[in-house]
Amino acid sequence: MTVWNDLEAFRKFKRGWDSYGAEPIDHHCIDKAKALLIKLGTDWQPIPMVCGGVALEFHKDGFDIEIEIMRSAVPQSGDDNG
C-alpha cells in the first residue's frame, strides 16, 4: 500500500476501530495530512490515532520525527520560553 492508500483507508474507520472505543478518524485530519505530505514527500508513515487524528512518522538515517494532526490542535513550538 502507498501512503495515500493508507490515509484513504482511515476514512472507513468506525468508532471502536481499535476494539477499545477509539474515535473514527476525522476526515479533515486526513486531508491535512495529505496536504502536508505533498510538501514533505511520501517517506512518512501515516498512523491512525485513537483520538481521531493522524500521526505522520519519519524514520531514516538516525532521524525519528513524529507529527500529530488533531481536530482541535493548538499550535505548539519546541521553545518553552513562550
Protein backbone atom coordinates (compact mmCIF):
# COMPACT_ATOMS: atom_id res chain seq x y z
CA MET A 1 0.00 0.00 0.00
CA THR A 2 1.06 3.56 -0.58
CA VAL A 3 0.86 6.35 1.95
CA TRP A 4 -2.15 7.72 0.01
CA ASN A 5 -3.98 4.38 0.17
CA ASP A 6 -3.26 4.11 3.89
CA LEU A 7 -4.75 7.55 4.50
CA GLU A 8 -7.83 6.78 2.42
CA ALA A 9 -8.35 3.53 4.34
CA PHE A 10 -8.55 5.59 7.57
CA ARG A 11 -11.79 7.16 6.25
CA LYS A 12 -13.53 3.81 6.79
CA PHE A 13 -12.55 3.51 10.46
CA LYS A 14 -15.66 3.49 12.66
CA ARG A 15 -15.89 4.25 16.38
CA GLY A 16 -14.10 1.45 18.24
CA TRP A 17 -11.80 0.54 15.32
CA ASP A 18 -9.12 -0.41 17.84
CA SER A 19 -11.66 -2.53 19.82
CA TYR A 20 -11.27 -0.14 22.79
CA GLY A 21 -13.60 2.70 21.80
CA ALA A 22 -11.28 4.77 19.58
CA GLU A 23 -12.81 7.71 17.74
CA PRO A 24 -13.35 7.47 13.98
CA ILE A 25 -10.56 9.20 12.08
CA ASP A 26 -11.54 12.77 11.28
CA HIS A 27 -11.68 13.36 7.52
CA HIS A 28 -10.26 16.88 7.91
CA CYS A 29 -7.20 15.39 9.63
CA ILE A 30 -6.74 13.02 6.71
CA ASP A 31 -6.98 15.91 4.25
CA LYS A 32 -4.50 17.99 6.26
CA ALA A 33 -2.09 15.03 6.38
CA LYS A 34 -2.30 14.69 2.60
CA ALA A 35 -1.63 18.41 2.12
CA LEU A 36 1.38 18.20 4.43
CA LEU A 37 2.75 15.11 2.65
CA ILE A 38 2.60 16.95 -0.67
CA LYS A 39 5.15 19.36 0.81
CA LEU A 40 7.19 16.86 2.86
CA GLY A 41 7.24 13.89 0.49
CA THR A 42 5.90 10.39 0.95
CA ASP A 43 8.70 8.90 3.08
CA TRP A 44 6.36 9.31 6.06
CA GLN A 45 4.23 6.56 7.60
CA PRO A 46 0.65 7.57 8.50
CA ILE A 47 -0.65 6.16 11.79
CA PRO A 48 -4.28 6.43 12.95
CA MET A 49 -4.69 7.95 16.41
CA VAL A 50 -7.32 6.82 18.94
CA CYS A 51 -8.43 10.46 19.41
CA GLY A 52 -9.47 10.62 15.72
CA GLY A 53 -6.33 12.30 14.44
CA VAL A 54 -3.49 11.17 12.20
CA ALA A 55 0.19 10.88 13.10
CA LEU A 56 2.90 11.02 10.46
CA GLU A 57 6.14 9.29 11.36
CA PHE A 58 9.51 9.55 9.66
CA HIS A 59 12.41 7.22 10.45
CA LYS A 60 15.53 7.48 8.32
CA ASP A 61 19.29 7.86 8.77
CA GLY A 62 19.01 8.22 12.53
CA PHE A 63 16.16 10.74 12.41
CA ASP A 64 12.89 9.93 14.16
CA ILE A 65 10.21 12.56 13.69
CA GLU A 66 6.50 12.44 14.51
CA ILE A 67 3.85 14.99 13.57
CA GLU A 68 0.38 14.70 15.10
CA ILE A 69 -2.60 16.17 13.27
CA MET A 70 -5.65 16.50 15.51
CA ARG A 71 -9.11 18.02 15.15
CA SER A 72 -8.66 20.93 17.54
CA ALA A 73 -4.94 21.21 17.81
CA VAL A 74 -3.36 24.22 19.43
CA PRO A 75 -0.11 25.19 17.72
CA GLN A 76 2.89 24.45 19.89
CA SER A 77 6.58 25.06 19.45
CA GLY A 78 9.57 23.36 20.96
CA ASP A 79 10.52 26.60 22.70
CA ASP A 80 9.39 26.61 26.32
CA ASN A 81 10.11 30.32 26.67
CA GLY A 82 6.75 31.41 25.36
